[in-house]
Amino acid sequence: MSKIYKIIPFVLLISFTAIFMFKILSKEDKSEKFNELSLSSEGKNIPDDIVPLLIDAGNEKDLSFKDYKGKFTVVNLFASWCIACVAEHGVFTKIKDKYGDEVQIVGVNWRDKKDDAINWLEKYGNPYNKVAYDNFGKYGISLGIRGIPETFLVDKDGVILKHFRGNIDISITNYIDELK
């Protein structure tokens, strides 16, 4: 009888290992569906939520993205605590220099402290036409972001044409030239 008790842990270990491996290998289909969902913002209208401005622009205190309909817009979500955001930030200055008023650049400061965000823009420069302040991350959620930085190219009708997750580089201007 004691031999059976010695074998039981081994059998349980093999059984749990087989179940675990089956679960891991069966996740492939689900991950492909997840990737399809992650691209679902392309082709949809940009949410028209009203978001407070980080820096007051005269009488304006809020930003609504329907204000940008009629203009090709680049929307960038960033934060002062985001190291990758620093790496890509100069690209927006280059976009502004290249396109001027032809392309609007909107920054959305995501889940950040207001003073930290303002100091960050003072340190690295402010290439944005306007900067919204998404303190609780609600607007980012309505866009379907997973983290930051994330950037959206939005056409003149408010439709999201392209969604970039992670850092962008100057090659984004190729997409802008093609899409605007």
N, C-alpha and C. Protein backbone atom coordinates (compact mmCIF):
# COMPACT_ATOMS: atom_id res chain seq x y z
N MET A 1 0.81 -1.19 0.00
CA MET A 1 0.00 0.00 0.00
C MET A 1 0.85 1.26 0.00
N SER A 2 2.01 1.24 0.63
CA SER A 2 2.85 2.42 0.72
C SER A 2 3.44 2.80 -0.64
N LYS A 3 3.58 1.83 -1.57
CA LYS A 3 4.08 2.14 -2.91
C LYS A 3 3.08 3.01 -3.68
N ILE A 4 1.82 2.80 -3.48
CA ILE A 4 0.77 3.58 -4.16
C ILE A 4 0.84 5.03 -3.69
N TYR A 5 1.03 5.25 -2.42
CA TYR A 5 1.12 6.62 -1.89
C TYR A 5 2.34 7.37 -2.45
N LYS A 6 3.39 6.64 -2.77
CA LYS A 6 4.56 7.27 -3.35
C LYS A 6 4.34 7.66 -4.81
N ILE A 7 3.49 6.95 -5.51
CA ILE A 7 3.23 7.19 -6.94
C ILE A 7 2.20 8.32 -7.13
N ILE A 8 1.28 8.50 -6.20
CA ILE A 8 0.21 9.50 -6.35
C ILE A 8 0.75 10.92 -6.61
N PRO A 9 1.73 11.43 -5.89
CA PRO A 9 2.23 12.78 -6.20
C PRO A 9 2.80 12.89 -7.62
N PHE A 10 3.47 11.83 -8.06
CA PHE A 10 4.04 11.83 -9.40
C PHE A 10 2.94 11.87 -10.46
N VAL A 11 1.89 11.08 -10.28
CA VAL A 11 0.76 11.06 -11.21
C VAL A 11 0.05 12.42 -11.23
N LEU A 12 -0.13 13.01 -10.06
CA LEU A 12 -0.75 14.34 -9.98
C LEU A 12 0.10 15.39 -10.70
N LEU A 13 1.40 15.33 -10.51
CA LEU A 13 2.30 16.28 -11.17
C LEU A 13 2.21 16.16 -12.69
N ILE A 14 2.22 14.96 -13.19
CA ILE A 14 2.12 14.75 -14.64
C ILE A 14 0.75 15.22 -15.14
N SER A 15 -0.30 14.96 -14.40
CA SER A 15 -1.64 15.38 -14.80
C SER A 15 -1.76 16.90 -14.86
N PHE A 16 -1.28 17.57 -13.82
CA PHE A 16 -1.33 19.04 -13.80
C PHE A 16 -0.46 19.64 -14.91
N THR A 17 0.68 19.04 -15.18
CA THR A 17 1.55 19.52 -16.25
C THR A 17 0.85 19.38 -17.60
N ALA A 18 0.20 18.25 -17.84
CA ALA A 18 -0.52 18.04 -19.10
C ALA A 18 -1.66 19.06 -19.26
N ILE A 19 -2.40 19.30 -18.19
CA ILE A 19 -3.50 20.28 -18.25
C ILE A 19 -2.95 21.67 -18.51
N PHE A 20 -1.87 22.04 -17.83
CA PHE A 20 -1.24 23.35 -18.00
C PHE A 20 -0.76 23.54 -19.44
N MET A 21 -0.09 22.53 -20.00
CA MET A 21 0.40 22.62 -21.38
C MET A 21 -0.76 22.74 -22.37
N PHE A 22 -1.82 21.99 -22.14
CA PHE A 22 -3.00 22.08 -23.00
C PHE A 22 -3.58 23.49 -22.98
N LYS A 23 -3.67 24.10 -21.81
CA LYS A 23 -4.19 25.47 -21.69
C LYS A 23 -3.31 26.48 -22.43
N ILE A 24 -2.00 26.34 -22.27
CA ILE A 24 -1.07 27.26 -22.94
C ILE A 24 -1.18 27.13 -24.45
N LEU A 25 -1.18 25.92 -24.95
CA LEU A 25 -1.20 25.71 -26.40
C LEU A 25 -2.54 26.09 -27.01
N SER A 26 -3.61 26.06 -26.26
CA SER A 26 -4.92 26.42 -26.80
C SER A 26 -5.18 27.92 -26.78
N LYS A 27 -4.25 28.74 -26.30
CA LYS A 27 -4.43 30.19 -26.22
C LYS A 27 -4.13 30.89 -27.55
N GLU A 28 -3.55 30.22 -28.53
CA GLU A 28 -3.16 30.89 -29.77
C GLU A 28 -4.34 31.54 -30.46
N ASP A 29 -5.45 30.86 -30.61
CA ASP A 29 -6.62 31.44 -31.27
C ASP A 29 -7.11 32.67 -30.52
N LYS A 30 -7.11 32.62 -29.21
CA LYS A 30 -7.59 33.75 -28.42
C LYS A 30 -6.69 34.95 -28.59
N SER A 31 -5.37 34.75 -28.66
CA SER A 31 -4.46 35.88 -28.81
C SER A 31 -4.65 36.54 -30.17
N GLU A 32 -4.93 35.76 -31.22
CA GLU A 32 -5.19 36.36 -32.53
C GLU A 32 -6.46 37.21 -32.48
N LYS A 33 -7.49 36.71 -31.80
CA LYS A 33 -8.73 37.50 -31.67
C LYS A 33 -8.46 38.76 -30.87
N PHE A 34 -7.61 38.67 -29.84
CA PHE A 34 -7.27 39.85 -29.04
C PHE A 34 -6.57 40.89 -29.90
N ASN A 35 -5.64 40.45 -30.77
CA ASN A 35 -4.93 41.39 -31.65
C ASN A 35 -5.90 42.05 -32.61
N GLU A 36 -6.91 41.31 -33.11
CA GLU A 36 -7.90 41.92 -33.97
C GLU A 36 -8.67 43.00 -33.22
N LEU A 37 -9.01 42.73 -31.97
CA LEU A 37 -9.73 43.72 -31.17
C LEU A 37 -8.88 44.95 -30.91
N SER A 38 -7.57 44.75 -30.75
CA SER A 38 -6.71 45.88 -30.43
C SER A 38 -6.60 46.86 -31.59
N LEU A 39 -6.89 46.41 -32.80
CA LEU A 39 -6.84 47.29 -33.96
C LEU A 39 -8.20 47.88 -34.29
N SER A 40 -9.18 47.61 -33.46
CA SER A 40 -10.55 47.97 -33.78
C SER A 40 -10.82 49.47 -33.83
N SER A 41 -9.91 50.31 -33.31
CA SER A 41 -10.15 51.75 -33.35
C SER A 41 -9.98 52.31 -34.76
N GLU A 42 -9.19 51.66 -35.59
CA GLU A 42 -9.02 52.13 -36.95
C GLU A 42 -10.33 51.98 -37.71
N GLY A 43 -10.69 53.05 -38.41
CA GLY A 43 -11.94 53.05 -39.17
C GLY A 43 -13.13 53.57 -38.38
N LYS A 44 -12.95 53.79 -37.10
CA LYS A 44 -14.03 54.32 -36.27
C LYS A 44 -13.84 55.82 -36.06
N ASN A 45 -14.91 56.48 -35.68
CA ASN A 45 -14.81 57.91 -35.36
C ASN A 45 -14.07 58.09 -34.06
N ILE A 46 -13.29 59.16 -33.99
CA ILE A 46 -12.62 59.49 -32.75
C ILE A 46 -13.69 59.92 -31.74
N PRO A 47 -13.61 59.47 -30.51
CA PRO A 47 -14.64 59.84 -29.52
C PRO A 47 -14.73 61.36 -29.36
N ASP A 48 -15.95 61.86 -29.26
CA ASP A 48 -16.19 63.30 -29.12
C ASP A 48 -16.28 63.74 -27.67
N ASP A 49 -15.74 62.96 -26.76
CA ASP A 49 -15.77 63.32 -25.34
C ASP A 49 -15.17 64.71 -25.14
N ILE A 50 -15.67 65.42 -24.17
CA ILE A 50 -15.11 66.71 -23.81
C ILE A 50 -14.07 66.46 -22.73
N VAL A 51 -12.84 66.92 -22.99
CA VAL A 51 -11.72 66.69 -22.09
C VAL A 51 -11.18 68.05 -21.67
N PRO A 52 -10.91 68.25 -20.38
CA PRO A 52 -10.38 69.55 -19.96
C PRO A 52 -8.99 69.80 -20.57
N LEU A 53 -8.69 71.06 -20.81
CA LEU A 53 -7.37 71.42 -21.32
C LEU A 53 -6.36 71.42 -20.18
N LEU A 54 -5.15 70.99 -20.47
CA LEU A 54 -4.07 71.03 -19.50
C LEU A 54 -3.66 72.48 -19.25
N ILE A 55 -3.56 73.24 -20.33
CA ILE A 55 -3.18 74.64 -20.26
C ILE A 55 -4.31 75.44 -20.90
N ASP A 56 -4.90 76.35 -20.14
CA ASP A 56 -6.01 77.15 -20.68
C ASP A 56 -5.58 77.89 -21.93
N ALA A 57 -6.45 77.90 -22.91
CA ALA A 57 -6.19 78.61 -24.17
C ALA A 57 -7.19 79.76 -24.27
N GLY A 58 -6.88 80.87 -23.61
CA GLY A 58 -7.80 82.01 -23.63
C GLY A 58 -9.07 81.67 -22.87
N ASN A 59 -10.20 81.79 -23.55
CA ASN A 59 -11.49 81.50 -22.92
C ASN A 59 -11.80 80.00 -22.92
N GLU A 60 -11.05 79.24 -23.67
CA GLU A 60 -11.32 77.80 -23.77
C GLU A 60 -10.79 77.08 -22.54
N LYS A 61 -11.61 76.20 -22.00
CA LYS A 61 -11.22 75.39 -20.84
C LYS A 61 -11.27 73.90 -21.16
N ASP A 62 -11.98 73.55 -22.23
CA ASP A 62 -12.16 72.15 -22.60
C ASP A 62 -11.84 71.94 -24.07
N LEU A 63 -11.60 70.68 -24.41
CA LEU A 63 -11.32 70.29 -25.78
C LEU A 63 -12.33 69.24 -26.19
N SER A 64 -12.91 69.42 -27.35
CA SER A 64 -13.76 68.40 -27.94
C SER A 64 -13.16 68.10 -29.30
N PHE A 65 -13.02 66.85 -29.62
CA PHE A 65 -12.37 66.51 -30.87
C PHE A 65 -13.24 66.81 -32.07
N LYS A 66 -14.52 67.10 -31.87
CA LYS A 66 -15.32 67.53 -33.02
C LYS A 66 -14.89 68.92 -33.47
N ASP A 67 -14.16 69.66 -32.60
CA ASP A 67 -13.60 70.95 -32.99
C ASP A 67 -12.57 70.81 -34.11
N TYR A 68 -11.99 69.62 -34.24
CA TYR A 68 -10.95 69.40 -35.24
C TYR A 68 -11.47 68.78 -36.53
N LYS A 69 -12.76 68.52 -36.61
CA LYS A 69 -13.30 68.01 -37.87
C LYS A 69 -13.05 69.06 -38.94
N GLY A 70 -12.66 68.60 -40.10
CA GLY A 70 -12.28 69.50 -41.17
C GLY A 70 -10.78 69.68 -41.26
N LYS A 71 -10.05 69.10 -40.31
CA LYS A 71 -8.59 69.21 -40.29
C LYS A 71 -7.99 67.83 -40.06
N PHE A 72 -6.92 67.52 -40.76
CA PHE A 72 -6.19 66.29 -40.50
C PHE A 72 -5.50 66.46 -39.14
N THR A 73 -5.64 65.48 -38.25
CA THR A 73 -5.16 65.64 -36.87
C THR A 73 -4.32 64.44 -36.44
N VAL A 74 -3.26 64.74 -35.74
CA VAL A 74 -2.44 63.73 -35.08
C VAL A 74 -2.74 63.86 -33.60
N VAL A 75 -3.19 62.77 -32.98
CA VAL A 75 -3.51 62.76 -31.55
C VAL A 75 -2.49 61.87 -30.85
N ASN A 76 -1.79 62.43 -29.87
CA ASN A 76 -0.75 61.70 -29.16
C ASN A 76 -1.05 61.67 -27.67
N LEU A 77 -1.08 60.47 -27.09
CA LEU A 77 -1.24 60.31 -25.64
C LEU A 77 0.13 60.14 -25.02
N PHE A 78 0.41 60.95 -24.00
CA PHE A 78 1.73 60.97 -23.39
C PHE A 78 1.59 61.26 -21.90
N ALA A 79 2.71 61.12 -21.17
CA ALA A 79 2.75 61.48 -19.75
C ALA A 79 4.18 61.83 -19.38
N SER A 80 4.32 62.61 -18.33
CA SER A 80 5.65 63.03 -17.88
C SER A 80 6.45 61.85 -17.32
N TRP A 81 5.79 60.83 -16.83
CA TRP A 81 6.46 59.68 -16.25
C TRP A 81 6.84 58.62 -17.29
N CYS A 82 6.49 58.86 -18.54
CA CYS A 82 6.69 57.89 -19.63
C CYS A 82 8.03 58.14 -20.31
N ILE A 83 8.97 57.25 -20.14
CA ILE A 83 10.30 57.39 -20.73
C ILE A 83 10.22 57.32 -22.25
N ALA A 84 9.41 56.44 -22.77
CA ALA A 84 9.27 56.31 -24.23
C ALA A 84 8.70 57.58 -24.85
N CYS A 85 7.89 58.30 -24.09
CA CYS A 85 7.30 59.55 -24.60
C CYS A 85 8.37 60.60 -24.86
N VAL A 86 9.40 60.62 -24.03
CA VAL A 86 10.51 61.56 -24.23
C VAL A 86 11.22 61.22 -25.54
N ALA A 87 11.42 59.93 -25.79
CA ALA A 87 12.14 59.48 -26.98
C ALA A 87 11.43 59.90 -28.26
N GLU A 88 10.11 59.89 -28.27
CA GLU A 88 9.38 60.22 -29.50
C GLU A 88 8.97 61.69 -29.58
N HIS A 89 9.10 62.44 -28.52
CA HIS A 89 8.54 63.80 -28.45
C HIS A 89 9.05 64.73 -29.56
N GLY A 90 10.33 64.63 -29.91
CA GLY A 90 10.89 65.49 -30.96
C GLY A 90 10.25 65.29 -32.32
N VAL A 91 9.66 64.11 -32.55
CA VAL A 91 8.99 63.85 -33.82
C VAL A 91 7.82 64.82 -34.03
N PHE A 92 7.13 65.16 -32.96
CA PHE A 92 5.97 66.06 -33.09
C PHE A 92 6.40 67.47 -33.46
N THR A 93 7.56 67.88 -32.98
CA THR A 93 8.11 69.18 -33.38
C THR A 93 8.43 69.16 -34.87
N LYS A 94 9.00 68.05 -35.35
CA LYS A 94 9.31 67.93 -36.78
C LYS A 94 8.04 67.91 -37.63
N ILE A 95 6.98 67.27 -37.13
CA ILE A 95 5.71 67.27 -37.85
C ILE A 95 5.16 68.70 -37.94
N LYS A 96 5.22 69.40 -36.83
CA LYS A 96 4.74 70.79 -36.80
C LYS A 96 5.54 71.66 -37.77
N ASP A 97 6.87 71.48 -37.79
CA ASP A 97 7.72 72.25 -38.69
C ASP A 97 7.42 71.92 -40.16
N LYS A 98 7.19 70.65 -40.45
CA LYS A 98 6.98 70.23 -41.84
C LYS A 98 5.61 70.63 -42.37
N TYR A 99 4.55 70.51 -41.56
CA TYR A 99 3.19 70.69 -42.07
C TYR A 99 2.53 72.00 -41.63
N GLY A 100 3.07 72.64 -40.62
CA GLY A 100 2.47 73.89 -40.14
C GLY A 100 1.02 73.69 -39.74
N ASP A 101 0.13 74.57 -40.22
CA ASP A 101 -1.29 74.50 -39.87
C ASP A 101 -2.06 73.46 -40.68
N GLU A 102 -1.39 72.84 -41.64
CA GLU A 102 -2.04 71.81 -42.47
C GLU A 102 -2.46 70.60 -41.63
N VAL A 103 -1.66 70.30 -40.61
CA VAL A 103 -1.90 69.16 -39.72
C VAL A 103 -1.97 69.67 -38.29
N GLN A 104 -3.06 69.37 -37.62
CA GLN A 104 -3.21 69.74 -36.21
C GLN A 104 -2.61 68.64 -35.35
N ILE A 105 -1.91 69.03 -34.30
CA ILE A 105 -1.33 68.06 -33.38
C ILE A 105 -1.95 68.29 -32.01
N VAL A 106 -2.63 67.27 -31.52
CA VAL A 106 -3.30 67.36 -30.23
C VAL A 106 -2.62 66.39 -29.26
N GLY A 107 -2.20 66.91 -28.13
CA GLY A 107 -1.63 66.06 -27.09
C GLY A 107 -2.69 65.75 -26.06
N VAL A 108 -2.67 64.55 -25.57
CA VAL A 108 -3.55 64.15 -24.47
C VAL A 108 -2.66 63.64 -23.35
N ASN A 109 -2.55 64.43 -22.29
CA ASN A 109 -1.75 64.03 -21.14
C ASN A 109 -2.57 63.02 -20.35
N TRP A 110 -2.02 61.81 -20.21
CA TRP A 110 -2.79 60.67 -19.70
C TRP A 110 -2.30 60.24 -18.32
N ARG A 111 -3.23 60.25 -17.37
CA ARG A 111 -3.00 59.73 -16.00
C ARG A 111 -1.72 60.29 -15.39
N ASP A 112 -1.66 61.58 -15.30
CA ASP A 112 -0.46 62.28 -14.87
C ASP A 112 -0.84 63.36 -13.86
N LYS A 113 0.14 63.90 -13.19
CA LYS A 113 -0.08 65.05 -12.33
C LYS A 113 0.03 66.30 -13.19
N LYS A 114 -0.90 67.21 -13.01
CA LYS A 114 -0.97 68.40 -13.86
C LYS A 114 0.33 69.20 -13.85
N ASP A 115 0.87 69.47 -12.68
CA ASP A 115 2.12 70.24 -12.59
C ASP A 115 3.28 69.51 -13.26
N ASP A 116 3.34 68.20 -13.10
CA ASP A 116 4.41 67.42 -13.74
C ASP A 116 4.31 67.51 -15.25
N ALA A 117 3.09 67.44 -15.76
CA ALA A 117 2.87 67.51 -17.20
C ALA A 117 3.27 68.88 -17.76
N ILE A 118 2.88 69.94 -17.07
CA ILE A 118 3.23 71.30 -17.51
C ILE A 118 4.75 71.49 -17.48
N ASN A 119 5.39 71.04 -16.42
CA ASN A 119 6.86 71.14 -16.32
C ASN A 119 7.54 70.33 -17.42
N TRP A 120 6.99 69.17 -17.74
CA TRP A 120 7.54 68.32 -18.79
C TRP A 120 7.49 69.03 -20.14
N LEU A 121 6.34 69.67 -20.43
CA LEU A 121 6.20 70.40 -21.69
C LEU A 121 7.12 71.62 -21.74
N GLU A 122 7.33 72.26 -20.60
CA GLU A 122 8.27 73.39 -20.56
C GLU A 122 9.69 72.91 -20.81
N LYS A 123 10.04 71.74 -20.29
CA LYS A 123 11.39 71.21 -20.44
C LYS A 123 11.67 70.74 -21.87
N TYR A 124 10.72 69.99 -22.46
CA TYR A 124 10.95 69.37 -23.77
C TYR A 124 10.32 70.15 -24.93
N GLY A 125 9.54 71.17 -24.63
CA GLY A 125 8.87 71.94 -25.67
C GLY A 125 7.45 71.46 -25.88
N ASN A 126 6.62 72.35 -26.39
CA ASN A 126 5.21 72.01 -26.62
C ASN A 126 4.88 72.13 -28.10
N PRO A 127 4.93 71.01 -28.82
CA PRO A 127 4.62 71.04 -30.25
C PRO A 127 3.12 70.96 -30.55
N TYR A 128 2.32 70.78 -29.51
CA TYR A 128 0.89 70.54 -29.69
C TYR A 128 0.12 71.84 -29.91
N ASN A 129 -0.90 71.78 -30.77
CA ASN A 129 -1.80 72.92 -30.93
C ASN A 129 -2.61 73.11 -29.65
N LYS A 130 -3.05 72.00 -29.07
CA LYS A 130 -3.74 72.00 -27.78
C LYS A 130 -3.36 70.74 -27.03
N VAL A 131 -3.45 70.84 -25.70
CA VAL A 131 -3.13 69.68 -24.85
C VAL A 131 -4.29 69.45 -23.90
N ALA A 132 -4.90 68.28 -24.02
CA ALA A 132 -5.98 67.88 -23.12
C ALA A 132 -5.37 67.18 -21.91
N TYR A 133 -6.14 67.16 -20.81
CA TYR A 133 -5.68 66.57 -19.56
C TYR A 133 -6.62 65.45 -19.16
N ASP A 134 -6.20 64.21 -19.41
CA ASP A 134 -6.99 63.02 -19.12
C ASP A 134 -6.51 62.40 -17.81
N ASN A 135 -6.80 63.09 -16.72
CA ASN A 135 -6.29 62.74 -15.40
C ASN A 135 -6.64 61.31 -14.98
N PHE A 136 -7.87 60.89 -15.21
CA PHE A 136 -8.30 59.56 -14.76
C PHE A 136 -8.22 58.50 -15.85
N GLY A 137 -7.81 58.89 -17.06
CA GLY A 137 -7.63 57.93 -18.14
C GLY A 137 -8.89 57.55 -18.88
N LYS A 138 -10.00 58.24 -18.64
CA LYS A 138 -11.27 57.87 -19.28
C LYS A 138 -11.23 58.03 -20.80
N TYR A 139 -10.62 59.14 -21.26
CA TYR A 139 -10.58 59.35 -22.70
C TYR A 139 -9.69 58.30 -23.37
N GLY A 140 -8.58 57.99 -22.74
CA GLY A 140 -7.72 56.94 -23.27
C GLY A 140 -8.44 55.62 -23.39
N ILE A 141 -9.26 55.30 -22.39
CA ILE A 141 -10.04 54.07 -22.43
C ILE A 141 -11.04 54.11 -23.58
N SER A 142 -11.69 55.26 -23.79
CA SER A 142 -12.65 55.34 -24.88
C SER A 142 -11.96 55.22 -26.24
N LEU A 143 -10.67 55.54 -26.31
CA LEU A 143 -9.91 55.35 -27.54
C LEU A 143 -9.44 53.90 -27.70
N GLY A 144 -9.44 53.15 -26.60
CA GLY A 144 -9.01 51.76 -26.66
C GLY A 144 -7.51 51.57 -26.49
N ILE A 145 -6.86 52.49 -25.78
CA ILE A 145 -5.42 52.34 -25.61
C ILE A 145 -5.10 51.28 -24.57
N ARG A 146 -3.88 50.74 -24.67
CA ARG A 146 -3.39 49.77 -23.69
C ARG A 146 -2.34 50.39 -22.79
N GLY A 147 -1.72 51.44 -23.24
CA GLY A 147 -0.64 52.10 -22.50
C GLY A 147 -0.19 53.29 -23.32
N ILE A 148 0.90 53.90 -22.91
CA ILE A 148 1.37 55.03 -23.68
C ILE A 148 2.86 54.87 -23.95
N PRO A 149 3.36 55.52 -24.96
CA PRO A 149 2.69 56.43 -25.87
C PRO A 149 1.85 55.68 -26.91
N GLU A 150 0.78 56.32 -27.32
CA GLU A 150 -0.02 55.85 -28.44
C GLU A 150 -0.41 57.06 -29.26
N THR A 151 -0.44 56.88 -30.57
CA THR A 151 -0.69 57.99 -31.49
C THR A 151 -1.73 57.56 -32.52
N PHE A 152 -2.61 58.49 -32.85
CA PHE A 152 -3.68 58.25 -33.81
C PHE A 152 -3.60 59.28 -34.93
N LEU A 153 -3.80 58.83 -36.17
CA LEU A 153 -3.96 59.74 -37.30
C LEU A 153 -5.44 59.78 -37.62
N VAL A 154 -6.00 60.99 -37.61
CA VAL A 154 -7.45 61.17 -37.74
C VAL A 154 -7.72 62.04 -38.96
N ASP A 155 -8.61 61.58 -39.83
CA ASP A 155 -8.88 62.35 -41.04
C ASP A 155 -9.79 63.54 -40.77
N LYS A 156 -10.10 64.29 -41.83
CA LYS A 156 -10.87 65.53 -41.70
C LYS A 156 -12.31 65.29 -41.24
N ASP A 157 -12.79 64.04 -41.38
CA ASP A 157 -14.14 63.70 -40.94
C ASP A 157 -14.17 63.12 -39.54
N GLY A 158 -13.01 63.04 -38.88
CA GLY A 158 -12.96 62.50 -37.52
C GLY A 158 -12.81 61.00 -37.46
N VAL A 159 -12.42 60.37 -38.56
CA VAL A 159 -12.25 58.92 -38.60
C VAL A 159 -10.78 58.58 -38.33
N ILE A 160 -10.57 57.61 -37.44
CA ILE A 160 -9.21 57.17 -37.12
C ILE A 160 -8.70 56.31 -38.28
N LEU A 161 -7.66 56.80 -38.95
CA LEU A 161 -7.08 56.09 -40.09
C LEU A 161 -5.98 55.13 -39.68
N LYS A 162 -5.21 55.52 -38.67
CA LYS A 162 -4.07 54.70 -38.24
C LYS A 162 -3.87 54.87 -36.74
N HIS A 163 -3.54 53.77 -36.08
CA HIS A 163 -3.31 53.76 -34.64
C HIS A 163 -1.94 53.14 -34.39
N PHE A 164 -1.06 53.90 -33.77
CA PHE A 164 0.29 53.42 -33.45
C PHE A 164 0.39 53.18 -31.96
N ARG A 165 0.79 51.98 -31.57
CA ARG A 165 1.06 51.67 -30.17
C ARG A 165 2.57 51.73 -29.96
N GLY A 166 2.98 52.45 -28.93
CA GLY A 166 4.42 52.57 -28.67
C GLY A 166 5.01 53.76 -29.41
N ASN A 167 6.33 53.81 -29.38
CA ASN A 167 7.05 54.93 -29.97
C ASN A 167 6.80 55.05 -31.46
N ILE A 168 6.74 56.29 -31.92
CA ILE A 168 6.74 56.56 -33.35
C ILE A 168 8.09 57.19 -33.69
N ASP A 169 8.39 57.22 -34.96
CA ASP A 169 9.59 57.94 -35.41
C ASP A 169 9.19 58.80 -36.61
N ILE A 170 10.15 59.42 -37.22
CA ILE A 170 9.86 60.36 -38.29
C ILE A 170 9.19 59.70 -39.50
N SER A 171 9.26 58.39 -39.59
CA SER A 171 8.59 57.70 -40.70
C SER A 171 7.07 57.86 -40.65
N ILE A 172 6.54 58.35 -39.53
CA ILE A 172 5.10 58.61 -39.46
C ILE A 172 4.69 59.63 -40.52
N THR A 173 5.62 60.47 -40.95
CA THR A 173 5.29 61.47 -41.97
C THR A 173 4.93 60.81 -43.30
N ASN A 174 5.45 59.60 -43.54
CA ASN A 174 5.07 58.86 -44.75
C ASN A 174 3.58 58.53 -44.72
N TYR A 175 3.09 58.12 -43.55
CA TYR A 175 1.66 57.83 -43.39
C TYR A 175 0.85 59.12 -43.54
N ILE A 176 1.34 60.19 -42.93
CA ILE A 176 0.62 61.47 -43.01
C ILE A 176 0.51 61.91 -44.47
N ASP A 177 1.63 61.85 -45.21
CA ASP A 177 1.61 62.25 -46.62
C ASP A 177 0.63 61.41 -47.42
N GLU A 178 0.60 60.12 -47.12
CA GLU A 178 -0.27 59.19 -47.85
C GLU A 178 -1.75 59.39 -47.50
N LEU A 179 -2.04 59.67 -46.25
CA LEU A 179 -3.42 59.67 -45.78
C LEU A 179 -4.12 61.04 -45.82
N LYS A 180 -3.35 62.13 -45.74
CA LYS A 180 -4.02 63.43 -45.65
C LYS A 180 -4.44 63.91 -46.98
